[in-house]
Amino acid sequence: MKFLEGLARLPHDDLFTHLSLPSVPLSPLGEMALAREGCCPLLLLLLLGLWVAEIPVSAKPEGMTSSQWFKTQQVQPSPQACDSAMGNISNYTKRCKDLNTFLHEPFSSIAATCQTPNITCKNGRENCHQSHGPVSLTMCGLTSGKCSNCRYKEEHLNKSYIVACDPPQQGDPEYSLVPMHLDKVV
């Protein structure tokens, strides 16, 4: 970000001396054809802004805690077909999620997993916990579709899982730790 701020402070003539552009066409006067007053720096910043503004499909919806979003995405005590179950998630995200795992356990059982010994998560944090044993789960993999018309293949398994847990936020159930993220199926 500091790099971009530094570029924004440079006069437009100096901007191109700090970027390596190997083959920029020159006008007959020897000026860069791209360096019209303010055009390219603004275009560059606009394109970077659009790239940074991409919202990940896993981002939790506004107004939900991480634990509430976990429950929406991962907890499904009674198995449902992936196409309909994933429809609920895409209603929030407005996109098809590539892969999702539903744990067929009540939230209270998954929250109890947070009381097992801490282990290291994939991201290196030490707030993960492994289930006591295998549970019934369904993995939904996207096959086709867009937004509200997503199609999934499903795979039913009995496996253990690892969840990341943190103290509850306001609006979460009253447990000392609540699941926030399904880290891995093992």
N, C-alpha and C. Protein backbone atom coordinates (compact mmCIF):
# COMPACT_ATOMS: atom_id res chain seq x y z
N MET A 1 0.83 -1.18 0.00
CA MET A 1 0.00 0.00 0.00
C MET A 1 0.88 1.25 0.00
N LYS A 2 2.01 1.23 0.78
CA LYS A 2 2.89 2.38 0.81
C LYS A 2 3.47 2.66 -0.57
N PHE A 3 3.72 1.59 -1.35
CA PHE A 3 4.21 1.75 -2.71
C PHE A 3 3.21 2.56 -3.53
N LEU A 4 1.92 2.20 -3.45
CA LEU A 4 0.89 2.91 -4.21
C LEU A 4 0.75 4.35 -3.75
N GLU A 5 0.84 4.57 -2.41
CA GLU A 5 0.76 5.94 -1.91
C GLU A 5 1.92 6.77 -2.45
N GLY A 6 3.10 6.16 -2.50
CA GLY A 6 4.27 6.85 -3.04
C GLY A 6 4.09 7.19 -4.51
N LEU A 7 3.51 6.25 -5.27
CA LEU A 7 3.26 6.51 -6.68
C LEU A 7 2.25 7.64 -6.87
N ALA A 8 1.25 7.69 -6.01
CA ALA A 8 0.20 8.70 -6.14
C ALA A 8 0.76 10.11 -5.91
N ARG A 9 1.83 10.23 -5.09
CA ARG A 9 2.41 11.54 -4.80
C ARG A 9 3.36 12.03 -5.89
N LEU A 10 3.80 11.13 -6.77
CA LEU A 10 4.73 11.52 -7.82
C LEU A 10 4.03 12.32 -8.90
N PRO A 11 4.70 13.32 -9.47
CA PRO A 11 4.12 13.97 -10.65
C PRO A 11 3.99 12.93 -11.75
N HIS A 12 3.00 13.10 -12.64
CA HIS A 12 2.75 12.04 -13.63
C HIS A 12 3.96 11.79 -14.51
N ASP A 13 4.82 12.79 -14.70
CA ASP A 13 6.02 12.57 -15.53
C ASP A 13 6.99 11.61 -14.84
N ASP A 14 7.06 11.66 -13.50
CA ASP A 14 7.98 10.81 -12.76
C ASP A 14 7.46 9.40 -12.57
N LEU A 15 6.17 9.20 -12.73
CA LEU A 15 5.57 7.90 -12.47
C LEU A 15 6.22 6.81 -13.31
N PHE A 16 6.44 7.11 -14.58
CA PHE A 16 6.96 6.09 -15.48
C PHE A 16 8.45 5.85 -15.30
N THR A 17 9.16 6.74 -14.61
CA THR A 17 10.58 6.48 -14.34
C THR A 17 10.72 5.46 -13.22
N HIS A 18 9.67 5.26 -12.41
CA HIS A 18 9.73 4.31 -11.31
C HIS A 18 9.13 2.95 -11.67
N LEU A 19 8.51 2.85 -12.81
CA LEU A 19 7.96 1.58 -13.27
C LEU A 19 8.80 1.09 -14.44
N SER A 20 9.03 -0.20 -14.49
CA SER A 20 9.80 -0.71 -15.63
C SER A 20 8.81 -1.13 -16.72
N LEU A 21 8.74 -0.35 -17.77
CA LEU A 21 7.89 -0.64 -18.91
C LEU A 21 8.81 -0.87 -20.10
N PRO A 22 9.09 -2.12 -20.44
CA PRO A 22 10.12 -2.42 -21.41
C PRO A 22 9.84 -1.90 -22.82
N SER A 23 8.63 -1.88 -23.26
CA SER A 23 8.39 -1.46 -24.64
C SER A 23 7.19 -0.52 -24.71
N VAL A 24 7.37 0.71 -24.25
CA VAL A 24 6.30 1.70 -24.30
C VAL A 24 6.48 2.51 -25.58
N PRO A 25 5.44 2.57 -26.42
CA PRO A 25 5.57 3.31 -27.68
C PRO A 25 5.78 4.80 -27.43
N LEU A 26 6.63 5.41 -28.23
CA LEU A 26 6.91 6.84 -28.11
C LEU A 26 6.22 7.60 -29.23
N SER A 27 5.80 8.82 -28.92
CA SER A 27 5.21 9.67 -29.95
C SER A 27 6.34 10.24 -30.79
N PRO A 28 6.05 10.91 -31.93
CA PRO A 28 7.11 11.49 -32.75
C PRO A 28 7.97 12.50 -31.98
N LEU A 29 7.43 13.08 -30.91
CA LEU A 29 8.20 14.04 -30.12
C LEU A 29 9.05 13.37 -29.06
N GLY A 30 9.01 12.03 -29.00
CA GLY A 30 9.83 11.32 -28.03
C GLY A 30 9.15 11.15 -26.68
N GLU A 31 7.88 11.53 -26.56
CA GLU A 31 7.17 11.36 -25.30
C GLU A 31 6.49 10.00 -25.29
N MET A 32 6.22 9.51 -24.10
CA MET A 32 5.47 8.26 -24.01
C MET A 32 4.04 8.51 -24.46
N ALA A 33 3.56 7.67 -25.34
CA ALA A 33 2.20 7.82 -25.85
C ALA A 33 1.17 7.60 -24.74
N LEU A 34 1.51 6.82 -23.73
CA LEU A 34 0.56 6.53 -22.66
C LEU A 34 0.47 7.65 -21.62
N ALA A 35 1.44 8.51 -21.59
CA ALA A 35 1.55 9.47 -20.50
C ALA A 35 0.74 10.74 -20.74
N ARG A 36 -0.51 10.63 -21.07
CA ARG A 36 -1.38 11.80 -21.17
C ARG A 36 -1.70 12.25 -19.76
N GLU A 37 -1.88 13.53 -19.58
CA GLU A 37 -2.11 14.14 -18.27
C GLU A 37 -3.12 13.36 -17.43
N GLY A 38 -2.65 12.65 -16.41
CA GLY A 38 -3.50 12.00 -15.43
C GLY A 38 -4.20 10.73 -15.90
N CYS A 39 -4.09 10.34 -17.12
CA CYS A 39 -4.85 9.20 -17.65
C CYS A 39 -4.38 7.87 -17.08
N CYS A 40 -3.13 7.54 -17.29
CA CYS A 40 -2.64 6.22 -16.91
C CYS A 40 -2.55 6.01 -15.40
N PRO A 41 -2.08 6.98 -14.63
CA PRO A 41 -2.06 6.74 -13.19
C PRO A 41 -3.47 6.49 -12.64
N LEU A 42 -4.45 7.21 -13.14
CA LEU A 42 -5.82 6.99 -12.68
C LEU A 42 -6.34 5.63 -13.12
N LEU A 43 -6.03 5.26 -14.36
CA LEU A 43 -6.45 3.96 -14.86
C LEU A 43 -5.80 2.83 -14.05
N LEU A 44 -4.52 2.97 -13.76
CA LEU A 44 -3.80 1.99 -12.96
C LEU A 44 -4.43 1.86 -11.58
N LEU A 45 -4.72 2.97 -10.93
CA LEU A 45 -5.32 2.93 -9.60
C LEU A 45 -6.73 2.35 -9.65
N LEU A 46 -7.49 2.65 -10.70
CA LEU A 46 -8.83 2.08 -10.85
C LEU A 46 -8.75 0.57 -10.98
N LEU A 47 -7.85 0.07 -11.82
CA LEU A 47 -7.72 -1.37 -12.01
C LEU A 47 -7.25 -2.06 -10.72
N LEU A 48 -6.32 -1.45 -10.02
CA LEU A 48 -5.87 -2.02 -8.74
C LEU A 48 -7.01 -2.03 -7.74
N GLY A 49 -7.81 -0.97 -7.72
CA GLY A 49 -8.96 -0.90 -6.81
C GLY A 49 -9.97 -1.97 -7.09
N LEU A 50 -10.24 -2.24 -8.35
CA LEU A 50 -11.18 -3.30 -8.70
C LEU A 50 -10.65 -4.66 -8.30
N TRP A 51 -9.35 -4.87 -8.44
CA TRP A 51 -8.74 -6.14 -8.07
C TRP A 51 -8.82 -6.35 -6.56
N VAL A 52 -8.52 -5.31 -5.77
CA VAL A 52 -8.53 -5.40 -4.32
C VAL A 52 -9.95 -5.54 -3.79
N ALA A 53 -10.94 -4.99 -4.50
CA ALA A 53 -12.32 -4.99 -4.03
C ALA A 53 -12.99 -6.35 -4.15
N GLU A 54 -12.34 -7.31 -4.76
CA GLU A 54 -12.93 -8.65 -4.91
C GLU A 54 -13.18 -9.24 -3.53
N ILE A 55 -14.43 -9.58 -3.23
CA ILE A 55 -14.80 -10.13 -1.93
C ILE A 55 -14.73 -11.64 -2.00
N PRO A 56 -13.98 -12.26 -1.08
CA PRO A 56 -13.91 -13.71 -1.10
C PRO A 56 -15.26 -14.33 -0.79
N VAL A 57 -15.55 -15.48 -1.41
CA VAL A 57 -16.84 -16.12 -1.24
C VAL A 57 -17.03 -16.59 0.20
N SER A 58 -15.94 -16.78 0.94
CA SER A 58 -16.05 -17.22 2.32
C SER A 58 -16.23 -16.10 3.32
N ALA A 59 -16.20 -14.84 2.87
CA ALA A 59 -16.35 -13.72 3.78
C ALA A 59 -17.72 -13.78 4.45
N LYS A 60 -17.75 -13.56 5.77
CA LYS A 60 -19.02 -13.66 6.49
C LYS A 60 -19.89 -12.46 6.19
N PRO A 61 -21.18 -12.69 6.12
CA PRO A 61 -22.12 -11.60 5.86
C PRO A 61 -22.14 -10.59 7.01
N GLU A 62 -22.40 -9.35 6.67
CA GLU A 62 -22.51 -8.30 7.66
C GLU A 62 -23.64 -8.64 8.64
N GLY A 63 -23.41 -8.40 9.90
CA GLY A 63 -24.43 -8.66 10.92
C GLY A 63 -24.37 -10.06 11.51
N MET A 64 -23.48 -10.90 11.00
CA MET A 64 -23.32 -12.26 11.54
C MET A 64 -21.97 -12.35 12.24
N THR A 65 -21.94 -13.08 13.34
CA THR A 65 -20.64 -13.36 13.96
C THR A 65 -19.98 -14.48 13.17
N SER A 66 -18.70 -14.69 13.41
CA SER A 66 -17.99 -15.78 12.73
C SER A 66 -18.60 -17.14 13.08
N SER A 67 -19.03 -17.29 14.33
CA SER A 67 -19.63 -18.54 14.75
C SER A 67 -21.00 -18.76 14.10
N GLN A 68 -21.79 -17.71 13.97
CA GLN A 68 -23.08 -17.82 13.29
C GLN A 68 -22.88 -18.19 11.81
N TRP A 69 -21.87 -17.60 11.18
CA TRP A 69 -21.58 -17.92 9.78
C TRP A 69 -21.09 -19.37 9.66
N PHE A 70 -20.27 -19.80 10.62
CA PHE A 70 -19.83 -21.21 10.66
C PHE A 70 -21.05 -22.12 10.72
N LYS A 71 -21.97 -21.81 11.62
CA LYS A 71 -23.18 -22.65 11.77
C LYS A 71 -23.98 -22.69 10.47
N THR A 72 -24.10 -21.56 9.79
CA THR A 72 -24.84 -21.50 8.52
C THR A 72 -24.17 -22.35 7.45
N GLN A 73 -22.84 -22.28 7.39
CA GLN A 73 -22.11 -22.97 6.32
C GLN A 73 -21.81 -24.44 6.60
N GLN A 74 -21.59 -24.80 7.88
CA GLN A 74 -21.05 -26.11 8.16
C GLN A 74 -21.96 -27.03 8.98
N VAL A 75 -22.93 -26.52 9.71
CA VAL A 75 -23.71 -27.36 10.61
C VAL A 75 -25.04 -27.74 9.96
N GLN A 76 -25.26 -29.05 9.85
CA GLN A 76 -26.48 -29.56 9.22
C GLN A 76 -26.82 -30.90 9.88
N PRO A 77 -27.51 -30.85 11.04
CA PRO A 77 -27.78 -32.10 11.77
C PRO A 77 -28.51 -33.15 10.93
N SER A 78 -29.45 -32.73 10.09
CA SER A 78 -30.16 -33.67 9.20
C SER A 78 -29.67 -33.44 7.77
N PRO A 79 -29.05 -34.46 7.16
CA PRO A 79 -28.50 -34.28 5.81
C PRO A 79 -29.55 -33.82 4.79
N GLN A 80 -29.12 -32.91 3.94
CA GLN A 80 -29.94 -32.42 2.83
C GLN A 80 -29.11 -32.57 1.55
N ALA A 81 -29.79 -32.53 0.42
CA ALA A 81 -29.09 -32.57 -0.87
C ALA A 81 -28.25 -31.30 -1.01
N CYS A 82 -27.07 -31.44 -1.57
CA CYS A 82 -26.15 -30.30 -1.70
C CYS A 82 -26.77 -29.13 -2.47
N ASP A 83 -27.46 -29.40 -3.56
CA ASP A 83 -28.00 -28.31 -4.37
C ASP A 83 -28.89 -27.39 -3.53
N SER A 84 -29.78 -27.95 -2.72
CA SER A 84 -30.66 -27.11 -1.91
C SER A 84 -29.93 -26.52 -0.71
N ALA A 85 -29.08 -27.31 -0.05
CA ALA A 85 -28.35 -26.81 1.12
C ALA A 85 -27.40 -25.67 0.75
N MET A 86 -26.76 -25.79 -0.38
CA MET A 86 -25.83 -24.75 -0.80
C MET A 86 -26.56 -23.50 -1.29
N GLY A 87 -27.83 -23.65 -1.68
CA GLY A 87 -28.63 -22.50 -2.09
C GLY A 87 -28.73 -21.48 -0.97
N ASN A 88 -28.83 -21.95 0.27
CA ASN A 88 -28.89 -21.05 1.43
C ASN A 88 -27.61 -20.23 1.56
N ILE A 89 -26.49 -20.86 1.31
CA ILE A 89 -25.20 -20.16 1.41
C ILE A 89 -25.05 -19.15 0.27
N SER A 90 -25.40 -19.55 -0.96
CA SER A 90 -25.25 -18.62 -2.09
C SER A 90 -26.23 -17.45 -2.00
N ASN A 91 -27.32 -17.60 -1.22
CA ASN A 91 -28.21 -16.45 -0.98
C ASN A 91 -27.46 -15.34 -0.24
N TYR A 92 -26.53 -15.72 0.62
CA TYR A 92 -25.72 -14.74 1.34
C TYR A 92 -24.57 -14.21 0.49
N THR A 93 -23.87 -15.13 -0.19
CA THR A 93 -22.64 -14.75 -0.89
C THR A 93 -22.87 -14.22 -2.29
N LYS A 94 -24.03 -14.52 -2.87
CA LYS A 94 -24.37 -14.14 -4.25
C LYS A 94 -23.42 -14.78 -5.25
N ARG A 95 -22.78 -15.88 -4.86
CA ARG A 95 -21.88 -16.63 -5.72
C ARG A 95 -21.96 -18.10 -5.37
N CYS A 96 -21.53 -18.96 -6.27
CA CYS A 96 -21.44 -20.38 -5.99
C CYS A 96 -20.12 -20.64 -5.25
N LYS A 97 -20.19 -21.31 -4.13
CA LYS A 97 -18.99 -21.69 -3.39
C LYS A 97 -18.44 -22.97 -4.00
N ASP A 98 -17.14 -23.02 -4.25
CA ASP A 98 -16.53 -24.16 -4.93
C ASP A 98 -16.65 -25.47 -4.15
N LEU A 99 -16.42 -25.40 -2.85
CA LEU A 99 -16.41 -26.60 -2.02
C LEU A 99 -16.95 -26.25 -0.65
N ASN A 100 -17.77 -27.11 -0.09
CA ASN A 100 -18.29 -26.90 1.25
C ASN A 100 -18.51 -28.25 1.92
N THR A 101 -18.29 -28.28 3.23
CA THR A 101 -18.49 -29.50 4.01
C THR A 101 -19.54 -29.24 5.07
N PHE A 102 -20.54 -30.10 5.12
CA PHE A 102 -21.57 -30.04 6.16
C PHE A 102 -21.30 -31.14 7.18
N LEU A 103 -21.25 -30.76 8.45
CA LEU A 103 -21.11 -31.72 9.54
C LEU A 103 -22.52 -32.07 10.02
N HIS A 104 -22.85 -33.35 10.05
CA HIS A 104 -24.19 -33.78 10.45
C HIS A 104 -24.21 -34.05 11.96
N GLU A 105 -24.01 -32.99 12.70
CA GLU A 105 -23.95 -33.00 14.16
C GLU A 105 -24.66 -31.75 14.66
N PRO A 106 -25.24 -31.79 15.83
CA PRO A 106 -25.79 -30.54 16.39
C PRO A 106 -24.66 -29.57 16.74
N PHE A 107 -24.97 -28.28 16.72
CA PHE A 107 -23.97 -27.26 17.03
C PHE A 107 -23.33 -27.52 18.39
N SER A 108 -24.12 -27.97 19.37
CA SER A 108 -23.59 -28.20 20.73
C SER A 108 -22.49 -29.26 20.72
N SER A 109 -22.61 -30.29 19.88
CA SER A 109 -21.57 -31.33 19.79
C SER A 109 -20.30 -30.77 19.18
N ILE A 110 -20.46 -29.92 18.17
CA ILE A 110 -19.28 -29.32 17.53
C ILE A 110 -18.61 -28.34 18.50
N ALA A 111 -19.43 -27.59 19.26
CA ALA A 111 -18.88 -26.67 20.26
C ALA A 111 -18.11 -27.45 21.34
N ALA A 112 -18.57 -28.66 21.66
CA ALA A 112 -17.87 -29.49 22.65
C ALA A 112 -16.48 -29.87 22.14
N THR A 113 -16.31 -29.96 20.82
CA THR A 113 -14.99 -30.25 20.23
C THR A 113 -14.00 -29.16 20.61
N CYS A 114 -14.49 -27.94 20.82
CA CYS A 114 -13.61 -26.83 21.20
C CYS A 114 -12.95 -27.05 22.56
N GLN A 115 -13.43 -28.03 23.33
CA GLN A 115 -12.86 -28.33 24.65
C GLN A 115 -11.77 -29.40 24.58
N THR A 116 -11.54 -29.98 23.39
CA THR A 116 -10.45 -30.95 23.24
C THR A 116 -9.13 -30.18 23.23
N PRO A 117 -8.01 -30.86 23.41
CA PRO A 117 -6.72 -30.15 23.44
C PRO A 117 -6.46 -29.33 22.17
N ASN A 118 -5.79 -28.19 22.36
CA ASN A 118 -5.43 -27.32 21.24
C ASN A 118 -4.42 -28.00 20.34
N ILE A 119 -4.59 -27.79 19.03
CA ILE A 119 -3.60 -28.23 18.04
C ILE A 119 -3.38 -27.06 17.08
N THR A 120 -2.35 -27.16 16.27
CA THR A 120 -2.01 -26.10 15.33
C THR A 120 -2.92 -26.16 14.11
N CYS A 121 -3.49 -25.00 13.76
CA CYS A 121 -4.34 -24.88 12.56
C CYS A 121 -3.45 -24.78 11.31
N LYS A 122 -4.08 -24.89 10.15
CA LYS A 122 -3.35 -24.75 8.88
C LYS A 122 -2.69 -23.37 8.76
N ASN A 123 -3.29 -22.34 9.39
CA ASN A 123 -2.72 -20.99 9.30
C ASN A 123 -1.65 -20.73 10.35
N GLY A 124 -1.33 -21.75 11.17
CA GLY A 124 -0.27 -21.61 12.16
C GLY A 124 -0.76 -21.21 13.55
N ARG A 125 -2.00 -20.78 13.67
CA ARG A 125 -2.54 -20.42 14.99
C ARG A 125 -2.74 -21.69 15.81
N GLU A 126 -2.78 -21.54 17.11
CA GLU A 126 -2.89 -22.68 18.02
C GLU A 126 -4.31 -22.82 18.60
N ASN A 127 -5.34 -22.41 17.84
CA ASN A 127 -6.70 -22.45 18.39
C ASN A 127 -7.58 -23.50 17.72
N CYS A 128 -6.97 -24.55 17.17
CA CYS A 128 -7.73 -25.61 16.53
C CYS A 128 -7.92 -26.79 17.48
N HIS A 129 -8.96 -27.56 17.19
CA HIS A 129 -9.34 -28.70 18.03
C HIS A 129 -9.87 -29.80 17.12
N GLN A 130 -9.49 -31.06 17.42
CA GLN A 130 -9.93 -32.19 16.60
C GLN A 130 -11.08 -32.92 17.30
N SER A 131 -12.06 -33.34 16.50
CA SER A 131 -13.20 -34.09 17.03
C SER A 131 -12.71 -35.38 17.69
N HIS A 132 -13.51 -35.88 18.65
CA HIS A 132 -13.14 -37.11 19.37
C HIS A 132 -13.09 -38.32 18.44
N GLY A 133 -13.87 -38.30 17.39
CA GLY A 133 -13.90 -39.43 16.47
C GLY A 133 -14.59 -39.03 15.18
N PRO A 134 -14.78 -39.97 14.28
CA PRO A 134 -15.43 -39.66 13.01
C PRO A 134 -16.90 -39.31 13.20
N VAL A 135 -17.40 -38.44 12.32
CA VAL A 135 -18.80 -38.06 12.30
C VAL A 135 -19.30 -38.18 10.85
N SER A 136 -20.60 -38.21 10.70
CA SER A 136 -21.18 -38.21 9.37
C SER A 136 -21.06 -36.80 8.80
N LEU A 137 -20.62 -36.71 7.55
CA LEU A 137 -20.50 -35.40 6.90
C LEU A 137 -20.75 -35.54 5.41
N THR A 138 -21.08 -34.42 4.80
CA THR A 138 -21.27 -34.38 3.34
C THR A 138 -20.37 -33.30 2.76
N MET A 139 -19.60 -33.67 1.75
CA MET A 139 -18.79 -32.69 1.03
C MET A 139 -19.50 -32.37 -0.28
N CYS A 140 -19.71 -31.08 -0.54
CA CYS A 140 -20.39 -30.61 -1.74
C CYS A 140 -19.37 -29.92 -2.64
N GLY A 141 -19.20 -30.42 -3.86
CA GLY A 141 -18.26 -29.83 -4.83
C GLY A 141 -19.02 -29.26 -6.01
N LEU A 142 -18.75 -28.02 -6.33
CA LEU A 142 -19.43 -27.33 -7.43
C LEU A 142 -19.14 -28.01 -8.77
N THR A 143 -20.19 -28.27 -9.54
CA THR A 143 -20.02 -28.82 -10.88
C THR A 143 -20.38 -27.81 -11.95
N SER A 144 -21.36 -26.93 -11.67
CA SER A 144 -21.75 -25.92 -12.65
C SER A 144 -22.69 -24.91 -11.99
N GLY A 145 -22.94 -23.83 -12.71
CA GLY A 145 -23.94 -22.87 -12.27
C GLY A 145 -23.37 -21.53 -11.88
N LYS A 146 -24.29 -20.59 -11.69
CA LYS A 146 -23.95 -19.24 -11.26
C LYS A 146 -24.98 -18.78 -10.25
N CYS A 147 -24.52 -18.07 -9.24
CA CYS A 147 -25.32 -17.45 -8.18
C CYS A 147 -26.38 -18.38 -7.61
N SER A 148 -27.64 -18.18 -7.93
CA SER A 148 -28.70 -18.96 -7.28
C SER A 148 -28.99 -20.27 -8.00
N ASN A 149 -28.25 -20.58 -9.04
CA ASN A 149 -28.48 -21.81 -9.80
C ASN A 149 -27.24 -22.69 -9.78
N CYS A 150 -26.69 -22.91 -8.60
CA CYS A 150 -25.46 -23.69 -8.45
C CYS A 150 -25.80 -25.19 -8.42
N ARG A 151 -24.96 -26.00 -9.04
CA ARG A 151 -25.14 -27.45 -9.05
C ARG A 151 -23.91 -28.11 -8.43
N TYR A 152 -24.18 -29.10 -7.57
CA TYR A 152 -23.10 -29.73 -6.81
C TYR A 152 -23.16 -31.25 -6.90
N LYS A 153 -21.98 -31.85 -6.82
CA LYS A 153 -21.90 -33.30 -6.61
C LYS A 153 -21.67 -33.47 -5.11
N GLU A 154 -22.16 -34.56 -4.54
CA GLU A 154 -22.00 -34.74 -3.11
C GLU A 154 -21.31 -36.06 -2.80
N GLU A 155 -20.57 -36.02 -1.70
CA GLU A 155 -19.86 -37.21 -1.24
C GLU A 155 -20.15 -37.33 0.26
N HIS A 156 -20.70 -38.48 0.66
CA HIS A 156 -21.03 -38.74 2.06
C HIS A 156 -19.89 -39.55 2.68
N LEU A 157 -19.38 -39.05 3.81
CA LEU A 157 -18.23 -39.68 4.46
C LEU A 157 -18.44 -39.76 5.97
N ASN A 158 -17.64 -40.57 6.62
CA ASN A 158 -17.52 -40.60 8.08
C ASN A 158 -16.06 -40.31 8.38
N LYS A 159 -15.79 -39.09 8.84
CA LYS A 159 -14.41 -38.67 9.11
C LYS A 159 -14.37 -37.75 10.32
N SER A 160 -13.19 -37.61 10.86
CA SER A 160 -12.96 -36.63 11.93
C SER A 160 -12.77 -35.26 11.28
N TYR A 161 -12.88 -34.24 12.10
CA TYR A 161 -12.71 -32.87 11.60
C TYR A 161 -11.92 -32.04 12.60
N ILE A 162 -11.38 -30.96 12.12
CA ILE A 162 -10.65 -30.00 12.96
C ILE A 162 -11.32 -28.65 12.78
N VAL A 163 -11.64 -28.00 13.91
CA VAL A 163 -12.26 -26.67 13.86
C VAL A 163 -11.40 -25.68 14.63
N ALA A 164 -11.43 -24.44 14.16
CA ALA A 164 -10.81 -23.33 14.89
C ALA A 164 -11.87 -22.76 15.83
N CYS A 165 -11.50 -22.50 17.06
CA CYS A 165 -12.43 -22.00 18.07
C CYS A 165 -11.88 -20.74 18.72
N ASP A 166 -12.78 -19.85 19.09
CA ASP A 166 -12.44 -18.61 19.79
C ASP A 166 -13.53 -18.31 20.81
N PRO A 167 -13.27 -17.39 21.73
CA PRO A 167 -14.33 -17.00 22.67
C PRO A 167 -15.53 -16.44 21.91
N PRO A 168 -16.73 -16.64 22.46
CA PRO A 168 -17.93 -16.16 21.77
C PRO A 168 -17.99 -14.64 21.70
N GLN A 169 -18.66 -14.17 20.65
CA GLN A 169 -18.94 -12.74 20.50
C GLN A 169 -20.38 -12.51 20.92
N GLN A 170 -20.76 -11.25 21.06
CA GLN A 170 -22.14 -10.95 21.42
C GLN A 170 -23.08 -11.54 20.37
N GLY A 171 -24.07 -12.28 20.83
CA GLY A 171 -25.01 -12.93 19.92
C GLY A 171 -24.71 -14.40 19.71
N ASP A 172 -23.53 -14.88 20.14
CA ASP A 172 -23.18 -16.29 20.03
C ASP A 172 -23.76 -17.07 21.21
N PRO A 173 -23.87 -18.39 21.07
CA PRO A 173 -24.32 -19.22 22.20
C PRO A 173 -23.35 -19.12 23.38
N GLU A 174 -23.85 -19.42 24.56
CA GLU A 174 -23.06 -19.31 25.80
C GLU A 174 -22.15 -20.52 26.01
N TYR A 175 -21.04 -20.57 25.32
CA TYR A 175 -20.02 -21.58 25.53
C TYR A 175 -18.71 -20.84 25.81
N SER A 176 -17.76 -21.51 26.46
CA SER A 176 -16.48 -20.83 26.72
C SER A 176 -15.73 -20.58 25.42
N LEU A 177 -15.85 -21.51 24.47
CA LEU A 177 -15.29 -21.36 23.12
C LEU A 177 -16.35 -21.81 22.12
N VAL A 178 -16.37 -21.16 20.97
CA VAL A 178 -17.31 -21.55 19.91
C VAL A 178 -16.54 -21.78 18.61
N PRO A 179 -17.02 -22.71 17.77
CA PRO A 179 -16.34 -22.94 16.49
C PRO A 179 -16.52 -21.75 15.55
N MET A 180 -15.45 -21.40 14.86
CA MET A 180 -15.45 -20.25 13.95
C MET A 180 -15.15 -20.66 12.51
N HIS A 181 -14.44 -21.79 12.35
CA HIS A 181 -13.95 -22.14 11.03
C HIS A 181 -13.68 -23.65 10.99
N LEU A 182 -14.13 -24.30 9.92
CA LEU A 182 -13.79 -25.69 9.69
C LEU A 182 -12.43 -25.70 9.01
N ASP A 183 -11.42 -26.13 9.76
CA ASP A 183 -10.05 -26.05 9.27
C ASP A 183 -9.69 -27.21 8.35
N LYS A 184 -10.19 -28.41 8.68
CA LYS A 184 -9.74 -29.57 7.91
C LYS A 184 -10.62 -30.78 8.24
N VAL A 185 -10.78 -31.67 7.27
CA VAL A 185 -11.41 -32.96 7.47
C VAL A 185 -10.29 -33.99 7.42
N VAL A 186 -10.22 -34.87 8.43
CA VAL A 186 -9.11 -35.84 8.52
C VAL A 186 -9.62 -37.27 8.61
